[in-house]
Amino acid sequence: MPGIRQYISLPAGLARMNLFSFCAATILSDHATLMFAAAFYLLMARGWATYGIPLLVVAALTAWGRVYSGIHFPFDMAGSIVVGLASAGLMHWLAGPLLPLNEKLLKIIDQVLGVLIKRGGQRRW
């Protein structure tokens, strides 16, 4: 049974491309969600807003392009913005408490890679 999305038409002037019919069942755009999340996180981080603003513009253009090409509906992009903002906010909020864990993991990775590199240098294939 097709979902209600099968019966909703795109706004006038927008072409529906059936080349991407396998994407028709998606709710949010993965492309736009990732780009909006990265842009919002950069806007929240100190000193990174100069990079966040251009990325936000690129994310908006990507969202517009995916609606224009008929791959997604406008509300898909609205959902992508909301999820991107929420995930960026959550990561910004958790950045402080997760920093000590991140430092410990980086030390472990450095030790493991150091051992592997030393062993790899002695091995002859």
C-alpha atoms as a PDB file:
ATOM      1  CA  MET A   1       0.000   0.000   0.000  1.00  0.00           C
ATOM      2  CA  PRO A   2       1.600   3.274  -1.033  1.00  0.00           C
ATOM      3  CA  GLY A   3       2.040   5.995   1.556  1.00  0.00           C
ATOM      4  CA  ILE A   4       0.332   9.355   1.468  1.00  0.00           C
ATOM      5  CA  ARG A   5       3.451  10.838  -0.125  1.00  0.00           C
ATOM      6  CA  GLN A   6       2.546   9.021  -3.343  1.00  0.00           C
ATOM      7  CA  TYR A   7      -0.506  11.267  -3.680  1.00  0.00           C
ATOM      8  CA  ILE A   8       1.068  14.626  -2.816  1.00  0.00           C
ATOM      9  CA  SER A   9       2.176  16.632  -5.815  1.00  0.00           C
ATOM     10  CA  LEU A  10       5.151  18.959  -5.851  1.00  0.00           C
ATOM     11  CA  PRO A  11       4.611  22.712  -6.132  1.00  0.00           C
ATOM     12  CA  ALA A  12       3.950  24.013  -9.652  1.00  0.00           C
ATOM     13  CA  GLY A  13       7.019  24.337 -11.831  1.00  0.00           C
ATOM     14  CA  LEU A  14       9.043  21.640 -10.108  1.00  0.00           C
ATOM     15  CA  ALA A  15       9.823  18.588 -12.181  1.00  0.00           C
ATOM     16  CA  ARG A  16       9.426  15.154 -10.643  1.00  0.00           C
ATOM     17  CA  MET A  17      12.271  12.951 -11.841  1.00  0.00           C
ATOM     18  CA  ASN A  18      11.519   9.250 -11.697  1.00  0.00           C
ATOM     19  CA  LEU A  19      15.197   8.408 -12.084  1.00  0.00           C
ATOM     20  CA  PHE A  20      15.463   8.480  -8.304  1.00  0.00           C
ATOM     21  CA  SER A  21      12.260   6.628  -7.493  1.00  0.00           C
ATOM     22  CA  PHE A  22      14.141   4.454  -4.982  1.00  0.00           C
ATOM     23  CA  CYS A  23      14.579   7.622  -2.890  1.00  0.00           C
ATOM     24  CA  ALA A  24      10.866   8.438  -2.865  1.00  0.00           C
ATOM     25  CA  ALA A  25      10.254   6.624   0.411  1.00  0.00           C
ATOM     26  CA  THR A  26      12.751   8.721   2.374  1.00  0.00           C
ATOM     27  CA  ILE A  27      11.518  11.221   4.882  1.00  0.00           C
ATOM     28  CA  LEU A  28      14.575  13.415   5.389  1.00  0.00           C
ATOM     29  CA  SER A  29      17.426  14.179   3.059  1.00  0.00           C
ATOM     30  CA  ASP A  30      20.647  12.656   4.391  1.00  0.00           C
ATOM     31  CA  HIS A  31      22.662  15.144   2.327  1.00  0.00           C
ATOM     32  CA  ALA A  32      20.880  18.197   3.712  1.00  0.00           C
ATOM     33  CA  THR A  33      20.712  16.863   7.286  1.00  0.00           C
ATOM     34  CA  LEU A  34      24.465  16.294   7.411  1.00  0.00           C
ATOM     35  CA  MET A  35      25.269  19.661   5.865  1.00  0.00           C
ATOM     36  CA  PHE A  36      22.843  21.566   8.108  1.00  0.00           C
ATOM     37  CA  ALA A  37      24.158  19.766  11.214  1.00  0.00           C
ATOM     38  CA  ALA A  38      27.761  20.621  10.327  1.00  0.00           C
ATOM     39  CA  ALA A  39      26.863  24.237   9.536  1.00  0.00           C
ATOM     40  CA  PHE A  40      24.895  24.702  12.755  1.00  0.00           C
ATOM     41  CA  TYR A  41      27.673  23.112  14.819  1.00  0.00           C
ATOM     42  CA  LEU A  42      30.252  25.448  13.289  1.00  0.00           C
ATOM     43  CA  LEU A  43      27.956  28.404  14.003  1.00  0.00           C
ATOM     44  CA  MET A  44      27.697  27.321  17.664  1.00  0.00           C
ATOM     45  CA  ALA A  45      31.436  26.759  18.106  1.00  0.00           C
ATOM     46  CA  ARG A  46      33.579  29.711  19.110  1.00  0.00           C
ATOM     47  CA  GLY A  47      35.606  31.166  16.271  1.00  0.00           C
ATOM     48  CA  TRP A  48      34.152  28.923  13.560  1.00  0.00           C
ATOM     49  CA  ALA A  49      31.165  31.020  12.474  1.00  0.00           C
ATOM     50  CA  THR A  50      33.078  32.334   9.475  1.00  0.00           C
ATOM     51  CA  TYR A  51      33.097  28.755   8.156  1.00  0.00           C
ATOM     52  CA  GLY A  52      29.578  27.957   9.310  1.00  0.00           C
ATOM     53  CA  ILE A  53      27.867  30.713   7.333  1.00  0.00           C
ATOM     54  CA  PRO A  54      29.145  29.619   3.893  1.00  0.00           C
ATOM     55  CA  LEU A  55      28.374  25.994   4.749  1.00  0.00           C
ATOM     56  CA  LEU A  56      24.842  27.028   5.755  1.00  0.00           C
ATOM     57  CA  VAL A  57      24.434  28.692   2.355  1.00  0.00           C
ATOM     58  CA  VAL A  58      25.702  25.545   0.601  1.00  0.00           C
ATOM     59  CA  ALA A  59      23.351  23.409   2.711  1.00  0.00           C
ATOM     60  CA  ALA A  60      20.399  25.610   1.732  1.00  0.00           C
ATOM     61  CA  LEU A  61      21.375  25.380  -1.940  1.00  0.00           C
ATOM     62  CA  THR A  62      21.666  21.604  -1.639  1.00  0.00           C
ATOM     63  CA  ALA A  63      18.236  21.425  -0.031  1.00  0.00           C
ATOM     64  CA  TRP A  64      16.754  23.626  -2.744  1.00  0.00           C
ATOM     65  CA  GLY A  65      18.378  21.514  -5.463  1.00  0.00           C
ATOM     66  CA  ARG A  66      17.003  18.277  -4.037  1.00  0.00           C
ATOM     67  CA  VAL A  67      13.498  19.742  -3.916  1.00  0.00           C
ATOM     68  CA  TYR A  68      13.836  21.285  -7.358  1.00  0.00           C
ATOM     69  CA  SER A  69      14.966  18.001  -8.892  1.00  0.00           C
ATOM     70  CA  GLY A  70      12.006  16.215  -7.322  1.00  0.00           C
ATOM     71  CA  ILE A  71      13.993  13.898  -5.070  1.00  0.00           C
ATOM     72  CA  HIS A  72      12.485  15.359  -1.877  1.00  0.00           C
ATOM     73  CA  PHE A  73       9.536  17.456  -0.818  1.00  0.00           C
ATOM     74  CA  PRO A  74       9.881  20.862   0.908  1.00  0.00           C
ATOM     75  CA  PHE A  75       8.817  19.426   4.267  1.00  0.00           C
ATOM     76  CA  ASP A  76      11.633  16.876   3.970  1.00  0.00           C
ATOM     77  CA  MET A  77      14.058  19.794   3.973  1.00  0.00           C
ATOM     78  CA  ALA A  78      12.295  21.440   6.911  1.00  0.00           C
ATOM     79  CA  GLY A  79      12.720  18.191   8.814  1.00  0.00           C
ATOM     80  CA  SER A  80      16.374  18.047   7.810  1.00  0.00           C
ATOM     81  CA  ILE A  81      16.904  21.533   9.213  1.00  0.00           C
ATOM     82  CA  VAL A  82      15.224  20.608  12.518  1.00  0.00           C
ATOM     83  CA  VAL A  83      17.148  17.342  12.903  1.00  0.00           C
ATOM     84  CA  GLY A  84      20.419  19.030  11.911  1.00  0.00           C
ATOM     85  CA  LEU A  85      19.893  21.819  14.438  1.00  0.00           C
ATOM     86  CA  ALA A  86      18.900  19.377  17.191  1.00  0.00           C
ATOM     87  CA  SER A  87      21.870  17.071  16.592  1.00  0.00           C
ATOM     88  CA  ALA A  88      24.316  19.993  16.412  1.00  0.00           C
ATOM     89  CA  GLY A  89      22.876  21.398  19.634  1.00  0.00           C
ATOM     90  CA  LEU A  90      23.151  18.021  21.354  1.00  0.00           C
ATOM     91  CA  MET A  91      26.763  17.566  20.246  1.00  0.00           C
ATOM     92  CA  HIS A  92      27.640  21.114  21.307  1.00  0.00           C
ATOM     93  CA  TRP A  93      26.067  20.472  24.710  1.00  0.00           C
ATOM     94  CA  LEU A  94      27.868  17.119  25.116  1.00  0.00           C
ATOM     95  CA  ALA A  95      31.243  18.348  23.859  1.00  0.00           C
ATOM     96  CA  GLY A  96      32.446  19.389  27.320  1.00  0.00           C
ATOM     97  CA  PRO A  97      31.477  16.220  29.210  1.00  0.00           C
ATOM     98  CA  LEU A  98      32.814  13.966  26.438  1.00  0.00           C
ATOM     99  CA  LEU A  99      36.199  15.707  26.144  1.00  0.00           C
ATOM    100  CA  PRO A 100      37.980  13.596  28.830  1.00  0.00           C
ATOM    101  CA  LEU A 101      36.729  10.391  27.180  1.00  0.00           C
ATOM    102  CA  ASN A 102      37.912  11.657  23.808  1.00  0.00           C
ATOM    103  CA  GLU A 103      41.379  12.371  25.209  1.00  0.00           C
ATOM    104  CA  LYS A 104      41.635   8.848  26.674  1.00  0.00           C
ATOM    105  CA  LEU A 105      40.546   7.253  23.406  1.00  0.00           C
ATOM    106  CA  LEU A 106      43.096   9.289  21.450  1.00  0.00           C
ATOM    107  CA  LYS A 107      45.893   8.111  23.765  1.00  0.00           C
ATOM    108  CA  ILE A 108      44.825   4.471  23.319  1.00  0.00           C
ATOM    109  CA  ILE A 109      44.667   4.861  19.547  1.00  0.00           C
ATOM    110  CA  ASP A 110      48.110   6.494  19.496  1.00  0.00           C
ATOM    111  CA  GLN A 111      49.578   3.608  21.518  1.00  0.00           C
ATOM    112  CA  VAL A 112      47.963   0.933  19.341  1.00  0.00           C
ATOM    113  CA  LEU A 113      49.021   2.636  16.117  1.00  0.00           C
ATOM    114  CA  GLY A 114      52.547   3.103  17.463  1.00  0.00           C
ATOM    115  CA  VAL A 115      52.860  -0.629  18.165  1.00  0.00           C
ATOM    116  CA  LEU A 116      51.395  -1.546  14.770  1.00  0.00           C
ATOM    117  CA  ILE A 117      53.704   0.843  12.945  1.00  0.00           C
ATOM    118  CA  LYS A 118      56.771  -0.538  14.737  1.00  0.00           C
ATOM    119  CA  ARG A 119      55.761  -4.113  13.934  1.00  0.00           C
ATOM    120  CA  GLY A 120      54.907  -3.234  10.356  1.00  0.00           C
ATOM    121  CA  GLY A 121      58.330  -1.733   9.812  1.00  0.00           C
ATOM    122  CA  GLN A 122      60.035  -5.004  10.794  1.00  0.00           C
ATOM    123  CA  ARG A 123      57.794  -7.304   8.755  1.00  0.00           C
ATOM    124  CA  ARG A 124      58.895  -8.349   5.272  1.00  0.00           C
ATOM    125  CA  TRP A 125      56.197  -9.345   2.835  1.00  0.00           C
END
